[in-house]
Amino acid sequence: MNEAQIAFLLLYLIYIGIILFFHDTMVMYPFRLLTTFLHEMSHAIACWITCGSVRAIRVYDNEGGVTSYVGGCRVLIIPAGYVGAAIFGSLFVSMSGGQKTATGAAGALIGLLLISLFFAPNRTMVVLNICYALVTSIFIYMEWYVFSPILCYIVLFYGAFVGLHAIFDVYNDCVGRTVLRSDAYACYEVCPCCLPKAVGIQWAICNILLQLTGIWVAMAQLSDECDNHSWWECISGDAHFDTWELEDKVSHTLEDWLHW
């Protein structure tokens, strides 16, 4: 590993330690509300993708939320909340390794925060979204004109918290207990062959894998092989060794083995 990868892992572990220590305190309350928003926004995105109509997106000060919709594919919309929040966490972590990718992730978050305000938000959500949009915009400005790489640190923290909190939410609401109004129970009502806790376990495993995937992509982006390559070229494998160089290395290795 190079120095950038080591620094990324150390910072990620420090963030995880801070999150675990302060998770249930008021210090992390705004971030828990952000995760609730992304949970509800994921329901809305799944509804739009499956040709449904979203009527309202709301986040409450008790860290609950609700998305009202008509139409769409309910089988896909129901699990989109818990899994969708984990996907956002994974994307934030994976895109935190570079200035442009971190800016893209922050810009996308600001876009979602503002778009959702057109769907009958309650007061808590209006205050939450405007504050996060302003603060994140300030960090984007600071990244490009004051100090870099501050935005990378912020996006990484967003990703670490949202991903970890999504795992906690699944365990608390779907695995550790059975809540009649939870998404897991709603999924069980649509598909009775799978019990709510079994649904929760599947979502928990998926969320853990998503967070690990985000870490892997960020590490790949920070590798020496990805220097001077775009984010997509890096994760798709186009930034790896040149084909002729790789074939030459393999050929010499085989010759050495045969000679031995």
Protein backbone atom coordinates (compact mmCIF):
# COMPACT_ATOMS: atom_id res chain seq x y z
CA MET A 1 0.00 0.00 0.00
CA ASN A 2 1.14 3.53 -0.69
CA GLU A 3 0.97 6.47 1.74
CA ALA A 4 -2.39 7.72 0.41
CA GLN A 5 -4.02 4.31 0.95
CA ILE A 6 -2.59 4.00 4.47
CA ALA A 7 -3.81 7.52 5.34
CA PHE A 8 -7.27 6.70 3.95
CA LEU A 9 -7.57 3.52 6.03
CA LEU A 10 -6.34 5.22 9.20
CA LEU A 11 -8.78 8.12 8.75
CA TYR A 12 -11.63 5.71 8.02
CA LEU A 13 -10.88 3.71 11.19
CA ILE A 14 -10.67 6.94 13.22
CA TYR A 15 -14.06 7.98 11.87
CA ILE A 16 -15.54 4.57 12.75
CA GLY A 17 -14.20 4.90 16.29
CA ILE A 18 -15.67 8.40 16.67
CA ILE A 19 -19.02 7.27 15.24
CA LEU A 20 -19.24 4.26 17.56
CA PHE A 21 -18.33 6.35 20.62
CA PHE A 22 -20.74 9.23 19.92
CA HIS A 23 -23.36 7.37 17.89
CA ASP A 24 -26.25 7.63 20.36
CA THR A 25 -25.42 11.14 21.58
CA MET A 26 -26.72 14.51 20.38
CA VAL A 27 -23.38 15.10 18.64
CA MET A 28 -24.40 12.65 15.91
CA TYR A 29 -28.09 13.61 15.88
CA PRO A 30 -27.85 15.70 12.65
CA PHE A 31 -26.08 12.82 10.89
CA ARG A 32 -28.73 10.34 12.02
CA LEU A 33 -31.34 12.65 10.50
CA LEU A 34 -29.29 12.79 7.28
CA THR A 35 -29.33 8.99 7.12
CA THR A 36 -33.11 9.03 7.65
CA PHE A 37 -33.43 11.47 4.75
CA LEU A 38 -31.34 9.24 2.47
CA HIS A 39 -33.46 6.26 3.55
CA GLU A 40 -36.66 8.05 2.52
CA MET A 41 -35.06 9.46 -0.63
CA SER A 42 -34.08 5.92 -1.64
CA HIS A 43 -37.75 4.89 -1.42
CA ALA A 44 -38.61 7.85 -3.65
CA ILE A 45 -35.89 7.04 -6.21
CA ALA A 46 -37.05 3.42 -6.41
CA CYS A 47 -40.61 4.66 -6.92
CA TRP A 48 -39.55 6.94 -9.77
CA ILE A 49 -37.46 4.22 -11.41
CA THR A 50 -40.46 1.85 -11.38
CA CYS A 51 -42.73 4.55 -12.90
CA GLY A 52 -44.55 5.48 -9.68
CA SER A 53 -45.47 8.93 -8.39
CA VAL A 54 -44.10 10.37 -5.14
CA ARG A 55 -46.54 12.53 -3.19
CA ALA A 56 -44.52 13.42 -0.08
CA ILE A 57 -41.08 12.91 1.49
CA ARG A 58 -40.82 13.72 5.18
CA VAL A 59 -38.28 13.38 8.00
CA TYR A 60 -39.32 13.79 11.64
CA ASP A 61 -37.32 15.00 14.62
CA ASN A 62 -37.67 11.55 16.28
CA GLU A 63 -35.42 10.20 13.47
CA GLY A 64 -38.36 8.59 11.70
CA GLY A 65 -39.58 9.33 8.22
CA VAL A 66 -42.20 8.50 5.64
CA THR A 67 -42.45 8.53 1.85
CA SER A 68 -45.95 8.63 0.37
CA TYR A 69 -46.27 7.35 -3.19
CA VAL A 70 -48.70 5.96 -5.73
CA GLY A 71 -47.91 3.17 -8.19
CA GLY A 72 -44.46 1.75 -8.82
CA CYS A 73 -43.18 -1.71 -7.99
CA ARG A 74 -43.73 -2.22 -4.26
CA VAL A 75 -41.37 -5.23 -4.14
CA LEU A 76 -38.50 -2.94 -5.14
CA ILE A 77 -39.63 0.20 -3.32
CA ILE A 78 -39.89 -1.45 0.13
CA PRO A 79 -36.26 -2.67 0.46
CA ALA A 80 -34.91 0.48 -1.21
CA GLY A 81 -34.88 2.38 2.10
CA TYR A 82 -32.39 0.38 4.15
CA VAL A 83 -30.37 -0.87 1.17
CA GLY A 84 -30.50 2.52 -0.57
CA ALA A 85 -29.03 4.31 2.45
CA ALA A 86 -26.18 1.77 2.45
CA ILE A 87 -25.66 2.37 -1.28
CA PHE A 88 -25.33 6.10 -0.63
CA GLY A 89 -22.84 5.38 2.15
CA SER A 90 -20.83 3.13 -0.15
CA LEU A 91 -20.81 5.73 -2.94
CA PHE A 92 -19.66 8.50 -0.60
CA VAL A 93 -16.81 6.34 0.69
CA SER A 94 -15.78 5.20 -2.80
CA MET A 95 -15.81 8.77 -4.19
CA SER A 96 -13.97 10.37 -1.27
CA GLY A 97 -10.53 9.54 -2.63
CA GLY A 98 -10.24 12.38 -5.14
CA GLN A 99 -11.09 16.07 -5.39
CA LYS A 100 -13.33 15.76 -8.46
CA THR A 101 -15.12 12.63 -7.30
CA ALA A 102 -15.69 14.07 -3.81
CA THR A 103 -17.08 17.23 -5.41
CA GLY A 104 -19.38 15.12 -7.58
CA ALA A 105 -20.65 13.20 -4.55
CA ALA A 106 -21.21 16.40 -2.56
CA GLY A 107 -22.94 18.05 -5.53
CA ALA A 108 -25.24 15.05 -5.99
CA LEU A 109 -26.16 15.17 -2.30
CA ILE A 110 -27.00 18.88 -2.54
CA GLY A 111 -29.15 18.16 -5.60
CA LEU A 112 -31.13 15.46 -3.76
CA LEU A 113 -31.56 17.71 -0.70
CA LEU A 114 -33.04 20.49 -2.82
CA ILE A 115 -35.15 18.33 -5.17
CA SER A 116 -36.87 16.62 -2.24
CA LEU A 117 -38.13 19.99 -0.98
CA PHE A 118 -40.66 20.00 -3.84
CA PHE A 119 -42.47 16.97 -2.38
CA ALA A 120 -44.50 18.26 0.57
CA PRO A 121 -41.69 18.30 3.16
CA ASN A 122 -42.39 18.94 6.83
CA ARG A 123 -40.64 21.65 8.83
CA THR A 124 -37.90 19.40 10.23
CA MET A 125 -36.93 18.24 6.76
CA VAL A 126 -36.90 21.79 5.33
CA VAL A 127 -34.49 22.96 8.05
CA LEU A 128 -32.36 19.80 7.76
CA ASN A 129 -32.05 19.94 3.98
CA ILE A 130 -31.32 23.65 3.72
CA CYS A 131 -28.67 23.46 6.46
CA TYR A 132 -26.93 20.46 4.89
CA ALA A 133 -27.09 22.00 1.42
CA LEU A 134 -25.51 25.23 2.68
CA VAL A 135 -22.82 23.54 4.79
CA THR A 136 -21.87 21.12 2.01
CA SER A 137 -21.76 23.98 -0.52
CA ILE A 138 -19.39 25.88 1.79
CA PHE A 139 -17.09 22.85 1.96
CA ILE A 140 -17.10 22.60 -1.85
CA TYR A 141 -16.04 26.25 -2.06
CA MET A 142 -13.34 25.73 0.54
CA GLU A 143 -12.06 22.65 -1.31
CA TRP A 144 -11.51 24.53 -4.56
CA TYR A 145 -10.55 28.00 -3.34
CA VAL A 146 -9.28 27.82 0.27
CA PHE A 147 -7.90 24.46 1.39
CA SER A 148 -7.71 21.00 -0.13
CA PRO A 149 -8.50 18.12 0.61
CA ILE A 150 -11.09 19.12 3.22
CA LEU A 151 -14.06 18.00 1.08
CA CYS A 152 -12.60 14.49 0.78
CA TYR A 153 -12.58 14.25 4.58
CA ILE A 154 -16.20 15.43 4.81
CA VAL A 155 -17.49 13.08 2.09
CA LEU A 156 -15.64 10.17 3.70
CA PHE A 157 -17.27 10.95 7.05
CA TYR A 158 -20.69 11.15 5.40
CA GLY A 159 -20.08 7.76 3.82
CA ALA A 160 -18.73 6.10 6.96
CA PHE A 161 -21.58 7.36 9.13
CA VAL A 162 -24.41 6.68 6.68
CA GLY A 163 -23.08 3.21 5.87
CA LEU A 164 -22.55 2.24 9.51
CA HIS A 165 -25.85 3.73 10.66
CA ALA A 166 -27.69 1.88 7.87
CA ILE A 167 -26.28 -1.39 9.26
CA PHE A 168 -27.33 -0.43 12.81
CA ASP A 169 -30.82 0.51 11.60
CA VAL A 170 -31.32 -2.84 9.89
CA TYR A 171 -30.19 -4.72 12.98
CA ASN A 172 -32.26 -2.69 15.44
CA ASP A 173 -35.46 -2.54 13.36
CA CYS A 174 -35.39 -5.81 11.43
CA VAL A 175 -33.07 -8.35 13.07
CA GLY A 176 -33.01 -7.63 16.81
CA ARG A 177 -36.80 -7.26 16.94
CA THR A 178 -39.87 -7.47 14.74
CA VAL A 179 -41.59 -4.13 14.21
CA LEU A 180 -45.02 -4.44 12.60
CA ARG A 181 -44.62 -1.19 10.68
CA SER A 182 -41.03 -1.79 9.54
CA ASP A 183 -39.96 -2.22 5.93
CA ALA A 184 -38.94 -5.83 6.66
CA TYR A 185 -42.45 -6.67 7.90
CA ALA A 186 -43.97 -4.91 4.86
CA CYS A 187 -41.69 -7.02 2.66
CA TYR A 188 -42.87 -10.14 4.51
CA GLU A 189 -46.51 -9.17 3.82
CA VAL A 190 -45.77 -8.90 0.11
CA CYS A 191 -43.73 -12.13 0.09
CA PRO A 192 -44.85 -14.34 3.06
CA CYS A 193 -42.26 -17.01 2.26
CA CYS A 194 -39.52 -14.93 3.92
CA LEU A 195 -39.85 -14.00 7.60
CA PRO A 196 -39.12 -10.38 8.66
CA LYS A 197 -35.92 -11.29 10.55
CA ALA A 198 -34.66 -13.29 7.58
CA VAL A 199 -35.29 -10.27 5.37
CA GLY A 200 -33.39 -8.11 7.86
CA ILE A 201 -30.42 -10.48 7.90
CA GLN A 202 -30.23 -10.37 4.10
CA TRP A 203 -30.31 -6.57 4.13
CA ALA A 204 -27.66 -6.42 6.87
CA ILE A 205 -25.29 -8.65 4.89
CA CYS A 206 -25.93 -6.56 1.77
CA ASN A 207 -25.21 -3.32 3.66
CA ILE A 208 -21.95 -4.67 5.09
CA LEU A 209 -20.81 -5.78 1.63
CA LEU A 210 -21.71 -2.38 0.16
CA GLN A 211 -19.57 -0.57 2.73
CA LEU A 212 -16.64 -2.93 2.06
CA THR A 213 -17.08 -2.34 -1.67
CA GLY A 214 -16.88 1.40 -1.12
CA ILE A 215 -13.62 0.97 0.77
CA TRP A 216 -12.20 -1.25 -1.98
CA VAL A 217 -13.08 1.24 -4.74
CA ALA A 218 -11.55 4.13 -2.79
CA MET A 219 -8.37 2.10 -2.20
CA ALA A 220 -8.20 1.28 -5.91
CA GLN A 221 -8.61 4.94 -6.81
CA LEU A 222 -5.73 5.89 -4.48
CA SER A 223 -3.40 3.18 -5.86
CA ASP A 224 -0.31 4.04 -7.91
CA GLU A 225 -1.79 2.33 -10.97
CA CYS A 226 -4.64 4.86 -11.04
CA ASP A 227 -2.44 7.95 -11.28
CA ASN A 228 -3.46 10.17 -14.22
CA HIS A 229 -6.57 8.07 -14.86
CA SER A 230 -10.22 8.92 -14.41
CA TRP A 231 -12.35 7.40 -11.64
CA TRP A 232 -14.20 5.14 -14.07
CA GLU A 233 -11.02 3.97 -15.81
CA CYS A 234 -9.61 3.09 -12.41
CA ILE A 235 -12.51 0.95 -11.14
CA SER A 236 -13.19 -0.64 -14.53
CA GLY A 237 -9.61 -1.91 -14.82
CA ASP A 238 -8.51 0.28 -17.73
CA ALA A 239 -5.87 1.87 -15.53
CA HIS A 240 -3.98 -1.37 -14.93
CA PHE A 241 -0.74 -2.38 -16.58
CA ASP A 242 -0.39 -2.10 -20.33
CA THR A 243 -1.31 -5.38 -22.08
CA TRP A 244 2.07 -5.91 -23.71
CA GLU A 245 3.87 -5.14 -20.46
CA LEU A 246 1.69 -7.64 -18.59
CA GLU A 247 2.21 -10.35 -21.22
CA ASP A 248 5.96 -9.79 -21.09
CA LYS A 249 5.97 -10.15 -17.30
CA VAL A 250 3.93 -13.36 -17.46
CA SER A 251 6.21 -14.77 -20.16
CA HIS A 252 9.37 -14.10 -18.15
CA THR A 253 7.77 -15.60 -15.03
CA LEU A 254 6.87 -18.82 -16.88
CA GLU A 255 10.38 -19.07 -18.33
CA ASP A 256 11.88 -18.70 -14.84
CA TRP A 257 9.60 -21.46 -13.50
CA LEU A 258 10.47 -23.84 -16.39
CA HIS A 259 14.17 -23.14 -15.97
CA TRP A 260 13.93 -23.92 -12.25
